[in-house]
Amino acid sequence: MKLWDARSSECVNTWEAHEDKVWAMDTVQDGVQVLSGGGDGRVVVWDDCTEEDTQEAAAAEAARLHQEQEMLNALDDGRVLEAARIAFALRQPGRLLRVVQQVVAGGCVEESARVLGSIVQGVCLVGVLRVCVGCVCVCEGGCSCCWYLYSHPHAITYTTT
């Protein structure tokens, strides 16, 4: 079953429940349910969940905005690990890049590597370095980005993909 926008003539949503064409459709008097009958011999009852979906989307957006504000507060307070974890959760690489740049700008390579390792536990660290710091080598410890990782493998938990 498809929902079409009459003004734009575009399909807004598609729901699949029949294994063959839909041959009949009717609404229940309250307008909250639609019945469809298909060539597969099944009658399907569809519930209108528009209001619930709208409320869920609004709640998800409010939670995202709250997390975003928490991330900005953490950045302003210098809590880089918390800010980075929130940026990962929000899937915002630009904000994560700001966090990583703030850590690297501190100057101490060992401390930067330790903090970066804490940020990306369980994530491909080489991939994060390539994206966020610009390290594009596979030098096994020959550059400033990688030397600490390879010389102190027990200090940082990371996985490769």
N, C-alpha and C. Protein backbone atom coordinates (compact mmCIF):
# COMPACT_ATOMS: atom_id res chain seq x y z
N MET A 1 0.86 -1.16 0.00
CA MET A 1 0.00 0.00 0.00
C MET A 1 0.91 1.22 0.00
N LYS A 2 0.56 2.21 -0.78
CA LYS A 2 1.36 3.42 -0.90
C LYS A 2 0.54 4.63 -0.49
N LEU A 3 1.22 5.59 0.12
CA LEU A 3 0.62 6.87 0.48
C LEU A 3 1.21 7.92 -0.45
N TRP A 4 0.33 8.62 -1.17
CA TRP A 4 0.77 9.60 -2.16
C TRP A 4 0.40 11.00 -1.70
N ASP A 5 1.28 11.94 -1.95
CA ASP A 5 1.00 13.36 -1.72
C ASP A 5 0.30 13.88 -2.98
N ALA A 6 -0.96 14.29 -2.82
CA ALA A 6 -1.76 14.71 -3.98
C ALA A 6 -1.21 15.97 -4.64
N ARG A 7 -0.60 16.86 -3.86
CA ARG A 7 -0.08 18.10 -4.44
C ARG A 7 1.18 17.89 -5.25
N SER A 8 2.10 17.07 -4.73
CA SER A 8 3.39 16.88 -5.42
C SER A 8 3.42 15.63 -6.29
N SER A 9 2.40 14.79 -6.18
CA SER A 9 2.33 13.52 -6.90
C SER A 9 3.50 12.59 -6.57
N GLU A 10 4.02 12.71 -5.34
CA GLU A 10 5.13 11.87 -4.91
C GLU A 10 4.66 10.84 -3.89
N CYS A 11 5.29 9.67 -3.93
CA CYS A 11 5.00 8.63 -2.96
C CYS A 11 5.68 9.01 -1.63
N VAL A 12 4.88 9.14 -0.58
CA VAL A 12 5.39 9.55 0.72
C VAL A 12 5.85 8.35 1.53
N ASN A 13 5.14 7.23 1.41
CA ASN A 13 5.49 6.04 2.19
C ASN A 13 4.93 4.80 1.50
N THR A 14 5.56 3.66 1.76
CA THR A 14 5.11 2.38 1.23
C THR A 14 5.06 1.37 2.36
N TRP A 15 3.95 0.64 2.45
CA TRP A 15 3.83 -0.42 3.44
C TRP A 15 3.57 -1.72 2.71
N GLU A 16 4.23 -2.76 3.14
CA GLU A 16 4.07 -4.05 2.48
C GLU A 16 3.52 -5.07 3.46
N ALA A 17 2.42 -5.69 3.08
CA ALA A 17 1.84 -6.77 3.88
C ALA A 17 1.23 -7.84 3.00
N HIS A 18 0.92 -7.49 1.79
CA HIS A 18 0.33 -8.44 0.85
C HIS A 18 1.43 -9.00 -0.06
N GLU A 19 1.23 -10.24 -0.49
CA GLU A 19 2.18 -10.86 -1.41
C GLU A 19 1.72 -10.75 -2.86
N ASP A 20 0.57 -10.11 -3.06
CA ASP A 20 0.03 -9.90 -4.39
C ASP A 20 -0.61 -8.51 -4.41
N LYS A 21 -1.20 -8.14 -5.51
CA LYS A 21 -1.81 -6.83 -5.64
C LYS A 21 -2.95 -6.64 -4.65
N VAL A 22 -3.15 -5.37 -4.24
CA VAL A 22 -4.28 -5.01 -3.39
C VAL A 22 -5.46 -4.71 -4.31
N TRP A 23 -6.58 -5.41 -4.05
CA TRP A 23 -7.76 -5.25 -4.91
C TRP A 23 -8.88 -4.48 -4.24
N ALA A 24 -8.84 -4.33 -2.92
CA ALA A 24 -9.93 -3.64 -2.23
C ALA A 24 -9.36 -2.90 -1.02
N MET A 25 -9.99 -1.75 -0.72
CA MET A 25 -9.56 -0.97 0.43
C MET A 25 -10.77 -0.22 0.97
N ASP A 26 -10.84 -0.12 2.30
CA ASP A 26 -11.94 0.61 2.93
C ASP A 26 -11.44 1.12 4.28
N THR A 27 -12.11 2.16 4.78
CA THR A 27 -11.76 2.68 6.10
C THR A 27 -12.85 2.30 7.09
N VAL A 28 -12.45 2.16 8.32
CA VAL A 28 -13.40 1.92 9.41
C VAL A 28 -13.99 3.29 9.74
N GLN A 29 -15.20 3.30 10.30
CA GLN A 29 -15.91 4.56 10.54
C GLN A 29 -15.11 5.58 11.33
N ASP A 30 -14.29 5.14 12.29
CA ASP A 30 -13.54 6.12 13.10
C ASP A 30 -12.38 6.75 12.33
N GLY A 31 -12.05 6.23 11.15
CA GLY A 31 -11.00 6.79 10.32
C GLY A 31 -9.59 6.50 10.80
N VAL A 32 -9.48 5.68 11.84
CA VAL A 32 -8.16 5.37 12.40
C VAL A 32 -7.60 4.09 11.79
N GLN A 33 -8.44 3.29 11.17
CA GLN A 33 -7.98 2.04 10.58
C GLN A 33 -8.40 1.96 9.11
N VAL A 34 -7.55 1.28 8.34
CA VAL A 34 -7.84 1.01 6.94
C VAL A 34 -7.76 -0.50 6.76
N LEU A 35 -8.70 -1.06 6.01
CA LEU A 35 -8.69 -2.48 5.69
C LEU A 35 -8.31 -2.63 4.22
N SER A 36 -7.45 -3.61 3.94
CA SER A 36 -7.10 -3.88 2.54
C SER A 36 -7.23 -5.37 2.28
N GLY A 37 -7.70 -5.68 1.09
CA GLY A 37 -7.82 -7.06 0.66
C GLY A 37 -7.00 -7.26 -0.60
N GLY A 38 -6.21 -8.33 -0.62
CA GLY A 38 -5.32 -8.53 -1.75
C GLY A 38 -5.56 -9.81 -2.49
N GLY A 39 -4.88 -9.93 -3.62
CA GLY A 39 -4.95 -11.12 -4.45
C GLY A 39 -4.38 -12.34 -3.77
N ASP A 40 -3.69 -12.16 -2.65
CA ASP A 40 -3.16 -13.29 -1.89
C ASP A 40 -4.20 -13.88 -0.94
N GLY A 41 -5.44 -13.32 -0.95
CA GLY A 41 -6.51 -13.85 -0.12
C GLY A 41 -6.49 -13.35 1.31
N ARG A 42 -5.66 -12.38 1.62
CA ARG A 42 -5.56 -11.86 2.98
C ARG A 42 -6.25 -10.52 3.11
N VAL A 43 -6.81 -10.28 4.30
CA VAL A 43 -7.35 -8.98 4.66
C VAL A 43 -6.42 -8.43 5.75
N VAL A 44 -5.90 -7.22 5.53
CA VAL A 44 -4.96 -6.62 6.47
C VAL A 44 -5.61 -5.39 7.08
N VAL A 45 -5.47 -5.26 8.41
CA VAL A 45 -5.97 -4.09 9.13
C VAL A 45 -4.77 -3.17 9.39
N TRP A 46 -4.86 -1.94 8.89
CA TRP A 46 -3.80 -0.96 9.05
C TRP A 46 -4.24 0.09 10.07
N ASP A 47 -3.40 0.35 11.06
CA ASP A 47 -3.69 1.39 12.05
C ASP A 47 -2.99 2.68 11.66
N ASP A 48 -3.68 3.81 11.83
CA ASP A 48 -3.08 5.11 11.57
C ASP A 48 -2.21 5.49 12.77
N CYS A 49 -0.92 5.50 12.57
CA CYS A 49 0.03 5.79 13.64
C CYS A 49 0.69 7.15 13.44
N THR A 50 0.09 8.01 12.64
CA THR A 50 0.69 9.29 12.31
C THR A 50 1.01 10.11 13.56
N GLU A 51 0.05 10.21 14.47
CA GLU A 51 0.26 11.02 15.67
C GLU A 51 1.37 10.44 16.54
N GLU A 52 1.38 9.12 16.72
CA GLU A 52 2.42 8.48 17.52
C GLU A 52 3.79 8.66 16.87
N ASP A 53 3.85 8.50 15.55
CA ASP A 53 5.12 8.68 14.84
C ASP A 53 5.63 10.11 14.98
N THR A 54 4.73 11.07 14.89
CA THR A 54 5.10 12.48 15.03
C THR A 54 5.64 12.76 16.43
N GLN A 55 4.98 12.19 17.45
CA GLN A 55 5.43 12.38 18.82
C GLN A 55 6.79 11.72 19.05
N GLU A 56 7.00 10.52 18.49
CA GLU A 56 8.29 9.85 18.62
C GLU A 56 9.40 10.64 17.95
N ALA A 57 9.11 11.19 16.77
CA ALA A 57 10.11 11.99 16.06
C ALA A 57 10.46 13.25 16.84
N ALA A 58 9.45 13.88 17.44
CA ALA A 58 9.69 15.08 18.23
C ALA A 58 10.52 14.75 19.48
N ALA A 59 10.22 13.62 20.12
CA ALA A 59 10.98 13.20 21.30
C ALA A 59 12.42 12.87 20.92
N ALA A 60 12.62 12.22 19.77
CA ALA A 60 13.98 11.89 19.33
C ALA A 60 14.76 13.16 19.02
N GLU A 61 14.12 14.12 18.39
CA GLU A 61 14.78 15.40 18.09
C GLU A 61 15.14 16.15 19.36
N ALA A 62 14.25 16.14 20.35
CA ALA A 62 14.54 16.79 21.63
C ALA A 62 15.72 16.12 22.33
N ALA A 63 15.78 14.79 22.28
CA ALA A 63 16.90 14.06 22.89
C ALA A 63 18.20 14.38 22.16
N ARG A 64 18.14 14.46 20.82
CA ARG A 64 19.34 14.80 20.04
C ARG A 64 19.83 16.20 20.39
N LEU A 65 18.92 17.15 20.48
CA LEU A 65 19.30 18.52 20.83
C LEU A 65 19.90 18.58 22.23
N HIS A 66 19.34 17.81 23.15
CA HIS A 66 19.88 17.76 24.52
C HIS A 66 21.31 17.21 24.51
N GLN A 67 21.51 16.11 23.76
CA GLN A 67 22.86 15.54 23.66
C GLN A 67 23.83 16.51 23.02
N GLU A 68 23.37 17.21 22.00
CA GLU A 68 24.22 18.18 21.32
C GLU A 68 24.64 19.29 22.29
N GLN A 69 23.70 19.76 23.11
CA GLN A 69 24.03 20.80 24.09
C GLN A 69 25.00 20.26 25.13
N GLU A 70 24.80 19.01 25.56
CA GLU A 70 25.73 18.39 26.52
C GLU A 70 27.13 18.30 25.92
N MET A 71 27.23 17.99 24.62
CA MET A 71 28.52 17.91 23.97
C MET A 71 29.20 19.27 23.94
N LEU A 72 28.44 20.31 23.59
CA LEU A 72 29.02 21.65 23.55
C LEU A 72 29.46 22.10 24.94
N ASN A 73 28.67 21.78 25.95
CA ASN A 73 29.05 22.12 27.32
C ASN A 73 30.34 21.40 27.72
N ALA A 74 30.43 20.13 27.36
CA ALA A 74 31.64 19.35 27.69
C ALA A 74 32.86 19.94 26.99
N LEU A 75 32.70 20.34 25.73
CA LEU A 75 33.82 20.96 25.00
C LEU A 75 34.26 22.25 25.67
N ASP A 76 33.29 23.08 26.04
CA ASP A 76 33.61 24.35 26.70
C ASP A 76 34.29 24.14 28.05
N ASP A 77 33.93 23.06 28.75
CA ASP A 77 34.50 22.77 30.07
C ASP A 77 35.79 21.98 29.99
N GLY A 78 36.23 21.61 28.77
CA GLY A 78 37.47 20.85 28.62
C GLY A 78 37.31 19.36 28.88
N ARG A 79 36.09 18.87 28.94
CA ARG A 79 35.86 17.43 29.13
C ARG A 79 35.81 16.77 27.76
N VAL A 80 37.01 16.58 27.18
CA VAL A 80 37.10 16.13 25.80
C VAL A 80 36.62 14.70 25.61
N LEU A 81 36.88 13.82 26.57
CA LEU A 81 36.42 12.43 26.41
C LEU A 81 34.91 12.36 26.33
N GLU A 82 34.24 13.07 27.21
CA GLU A 82 32.78 13.08 27.20
C GLU A 82 32.25 13.70 25.90
N ALA A 83 32.86 14.81 25.47
CA ALA A 83 32.44 15.46 24.24
C ALA A 83 32.63 14.54 23.04
N ALA A 84 33.75 13.82 23.01
CA ALA A 84 34.03 12.92 21.89
C ALA A 84 33.05 11.76 21.86
N ARG A 85 32.76 11.20 23.01
CA ARG A 85 31.81 10.07 23.05
C ARG A 85 30.43 10.50 22.58
N ILE A 86 30.03 11.70 22.96
CA ILE A 86 28.73 12.20 22.51
C ILE A 86 28.75 12.45 21.00
N ALA A 87 29.86 13.01 20.48
CA ALA A 87 29.98 13.24 19.04
C ALA A 87 29.92 11.93 18.27
N PHE A 88 30.57 10.86 18.82
CA PHE A 88 30.47 9.54 18.19
C PHE A 88 29.02 9.08 18.19
N ALA A 89 28.35 9.20 19.34
CA ALA A 89 26.96 8.74 19.46
C ALA A 89 26.04 9.50 18.50
N LEU A 90 26.31 10.78 18.32
CA LEU A 90 25.49 11.59 17.43
C LEU A 90 25.90 11.45 15.97
N ARG A 91 26.99 10.73 15.72
CA ARG A 91 27.52 10.54 14.37
C ARG A 91 27.79 11.89 13.70
N GLN A 92 28.55 12.74 14.43
CA GLN A 92 28.89 14.06 13.92
C GLN A 92 30.41 14.17 13.79
N PRO A 93 30.95 13.73 12.65
CA PRO A 93 32.40 13.72 12.49
C PRO A 93 33.03 15.11 12.54
N GLY A 94 32.32 16.13 12.12
CA GLY A 94 32.87 17.49 12.19
C GLY A 94 33.12 17.92 13.62
N ARG A 95 32.17 17.62 14.48
CA ARG A 95 32.34 17.97 15.89
C ARG A 95 33.41 17.09 16.53
N LEU A 96 33.46 15.82 16.14
CA LEU A 96 34.50 14.94 16.65
C LEU A 96 35.87 15.46 16.22
N LEU A 97 35.96 15.95 15.01
CA LEU A 97 37.22 16.51 14.53
C LEU A 97 37.65 17.69 15.40
N ARG A 98 36.71 18.54 15.79
CA ARG A 98 37.03 19.66 16.69
C ARG A 98 37.61 19.16 18.00
N VAL A 99 37.02 18.10 18.54
CA VAL A 99 37.52 17.53 19.80
C VAL A 99 38.93 17.00 19.62
N VAL A 100 39.15 16.24 18.55
CA VAL A 100 40.46 15.65 18.30
C VAL A 100 41.49 16.76 18.07
N GLN A 101 41.14 17.79 17.33
CA GLN A 101 42.06 18.89 17.10
C GLN A 101 42.40 19.60 18.40
N GLN A 102 41.44 19.71 19.30
CA GLN A 102 41.68 20.33 20.60
C GLN A 102 42.67 19.49 21.40
N VAL A 103 42.52 18.17 21.33
CA VAL A 103 43.44 17.28 22.05
C VAL A 103 44.83 17.38 21.46
N VAL A 104 44.94 17.29 20.14
CA VAL A 104 46.24 17.30 19.47
C VAL A 104 46.93 18.65 19.64
N ALA A 105 46.16 19.73 19.72
CA ALA A 105 46.74 21.06 19.89
C ALA A 105 47.45 21.21 21.23
N GLY A 106 47.17 20.29 22.17
CA GLY A 106 47.82 20.32 23.47
C GLY A 106 49.32 20.14 23.38
N GLY A 107 49.82 19.52 22.30
CA GLY A 107 51.25 19.45 22.06
C GLY A 107 51.93 18.17 22.50
N CYS A 108 51.54 17.55 23.59
CA CYS A 108 52.21 16.35 24.10
C CYS A 108 51.70 15.13 23.33
N VAL A 109 52.58 14.52 22.55
CA VAL A 109 52.19 13.39 21.71
C VAL A 109 51.71 12.22 22.54
N GLU A 110 52.41 11.89 23.63
CA GLU A 110 52.00 10.76 24.45
C GLU A 110 50.62 10.99 25.06
N GLU A 111 50.41 12.19 25.59
CA GLU A 111 49.10 12.49 26.18
C GLU A 111 48.02 12.50 25.11
N SER A 112 48.31 13.07 23.93
CA SER A 112 47.34 13.08 22.84
C SER A 112 46.96 11.66 22.45
N ALA A 113 47.96 10.78 22.31
CA ALA A 113 47.68 9.40 21.93
C ALA A 113 46.88 8.69 23.00
N ARG A 114 47.17 8.96 24.27
CA ARG A 114 46.43 8.32 25.36
C ARG A 114 44.97 8.77 25.34
N VAL A 115 44.75 10.07 25.19
CA VAL A 115 43.38 10.60 25.17
C VAL A 115 42.65 10.09 23.94
N LEU A 116 43.31 10.12 22.78
CA LEU A 116 42.67 9.60 21.57
C LEU A 116 42.31 8.13 21.73
N GLY A 117 43.19 7.37 22.36
CA GLY A 117 42.90 5.96 22.60
C GLY A 117 41.69 5.78 23.48
N SER A 118 41.56 6.62 24.50
CA SER A 118 40.38 6.55 25.37
C SER A 118 39.12 6.92 24.61
N ILE A 119 39.23 7.87 23.70
CA ILE A 119 38.06 8.31 22.94
C ILE A 119 37.55 7.20 22.04
N VAL A 120 38.44 6.47 21.40
CA VAL A 120 38.03 5.55 20.35
C VAL A 120 38.13 4.08 20.74
N GLN A 121 38.02 3.78 22.00
CA GLN A 121 38.06 2.38 22.41
C GLN A 121 37.03 1.59 21.62
N GLY A 122 37.50 0.50 21.01
CA GLY A 122 36.61 -0.36 20.23
C GLY A 122 36.36 0.11 18.81
N VAL A 123 36.99 1.22 18.41
CA VAL A 123 36.84 1.75 17.07
C VAL A 123 38.17 1.61 16.35
N CYS A 124 38.16 1.52 15.05
CA CYS A 124 39.39 1.42 14.29
C CYS A 124 40.19 2.71 14.45
N LEU A 125 41.23 2.66 15.26
CA LEU A 125 41.99 3.85 15.58
C LEU A 125 42.74 4.39 14.37
N VAL A 126 43.24 3.51 13.53
CA VAL A 126 43.94 3.97 12.33
C VAL A 126 42.99 4.77 11.45
N GLY A 127 41.75 4.30 11.31
CA GLY A 127 40.76 5.02 10.52
C GLY A 127 40.45 6.39 11.10
N VAL A 128 40.35 6.47 12.42
CA VAL A 128 40.08 7.75 13.07
C VAL A 128 41.25 8.70 12.85
N LEU A 129 42.48 8.20 12.99
CA LEU A 129 43.65 9.05 12.76
C LEU A 129 43.68 9.55 11.33
N ARG A 130 43.35 8.70 10.39
CA ARG A 130 43.37 9.11 8.98
C ARG A 130 42.35 10.21 8.72
N VAL A 131 41.15 10.05 9.27
CA VAL A 131 40.09 11.02 9.02
C VAL A 131 40.30 12.30 9.82
N CYS A 132 40.59 12.18 11.10
CA CYS A 132 40.59 13.34 11.99
C CYS A 132 41.91 14.09 12.05
N VAL A 133 43.02 13.39 11.98
CA VAL A 133 44.31 14.03 12.17
C VAL A 133 45.05 14.19 10.85
N GLY A 134 44.65 13.44 9.84
CA GLY A 134 45.30 13.55 8.55
C GLY A 134 46.45 12.58 8.37
N CYS A 135 46.60 11.61 9.27
CA CYS A 135 47.66 10.62 9.14
C CYS A 135 47.23 9.61 8.09
N VAL A 136 47.92 9.59 6.96
CA VAL A 136 47.54 8.68 5.88
C VAL A 136 48.57 7.59 5.67
N CYS A 137 49.49 7.44 6.59
CA CYS A 137 50.55 6.45 6.41
C CYS A 137 50.18 5.14 7.10
N VAL A 138 50.86 4.12 6.72
CA VAL A 138 50.81 2.84 7.42
C VAL A 138 52.27 2.52 7.74
N CYS A 139 52.82 3.32 8.64
CA CYS A 139 54.26 3.33 8.84
C CYS A 139 54.70 2.44 9.99
N GLU A 140 53.76 1.87 10.72
CA GLU A 140 54.07 1.02 11.87
C GLU A 140 54.99 1.72 12.85
N GLY A 141 54.67 2.97 13.15
CA GLY A 141 55.39 3.67 14.21
C GLY A 141 56.37 4.71 13.74
N GLY A 142 56.47 4.97 12.43
CA GLY A 142 57.47 5.89 11.93
C GLY A 142 57.07 7.35 11.96
N CYS A 143 55.80 7.67 12.21
CA CYS A 143 55.43 9.09 12.25
C CYS A 143 54.93 9.44 13.64
N SER A 144 54.76 10.75 13.86
CA SER A 144 54.36 11.19 15.20
C SER A 144 52.96 10.73 15.57
N CYS A 145 52.10 10.49 14.57
CA CYS A 145 50.75 10.01 14.87
C CYS A 145 50.76 8.58 15.37
N CYS A 146 51.62 7.76 14.78
CA CYS A 146 51.56 6.32 15.02
C CYS A 146 52.57 5.78 16.02
N TRP A 147 53.64 6.50 16.29
CA TRP A 147 54.73 5.89 17.05
C TRP A 147 54.28 5.42 18.42
N TYR A 148 53.43 6.19 19.10
CA TYR A 148 53.00 5.79 20.44
C TYR A 148 52.11 4.55 20.38
N LEU A 149 51.27 4.47 19.37
CA LEU A 149 50.37 3.32 19.25
C LEU A 149 51.16 2.02 19.09
N TYR A 150 52.20 2.06 18.27
CA TYR A 150 52.97 0.85 18.01
C TYR A 150 53.99 0.56 19.10
N SER A 151 54.47 1.58 19.78
CA SER A 151 55.46 1.33 20.83
C SER A 151 54.81 1.01 22.18
N HIS A 152 53.53 1.30 22.35
CA HIS A 152 52.80 1.02 23.59
C HIS A 152 51.47 0.33 23.29
N PRO A 153 51.49 -0.85 22.67
CA PRO A 153 50.24 -1.48 22.26
C PRO A 153 49.32 -1.83 23.42
N HIS A 154 49.89 -2.03 24.61
CA HIS A 154 49.06 -2.37 25.78
C HIS A 154 48.34 -1.15 26.35
N ALA A 155 48.75 0.06 25.96
CA ALA A 155 48.18 1.26 26.55
C ALA A 155 46.85 1.65 25.95
N ILE A 156 46.58 1.18 24.73
CA ILE A 156 45.37 1.60 24.03
C ILE A 156 44.65 0.38 23.48
N THR A 157 43.37 0.30 23.73
CA THR A 157 42.56 -0.78 23.17
C THR A 157 42.01 -0.29 21.85
N TYR A 158 42.28 -1.00 20.79
CA TYR A 158 41.72 -0.64 19.50
C TYR A 158 41.51 -1.90 18.69
N THR A 159 40.64 -1.79 17.70
CA THR A 159 40.40 -2.92 16.81
C THR A 159 40.66 -2.46 15.39
N THR A 160 40.97 -3.38 14.53
CA THR A 160 41.15 -3.03 13.13
C THR A 160 39.97 -3.57 12.35
N THR A 161 39.67 -2.90 11.25
CA THR A 161 38.54 -3.32 10.43
C THR A 161 39.04 -3.86 9.12
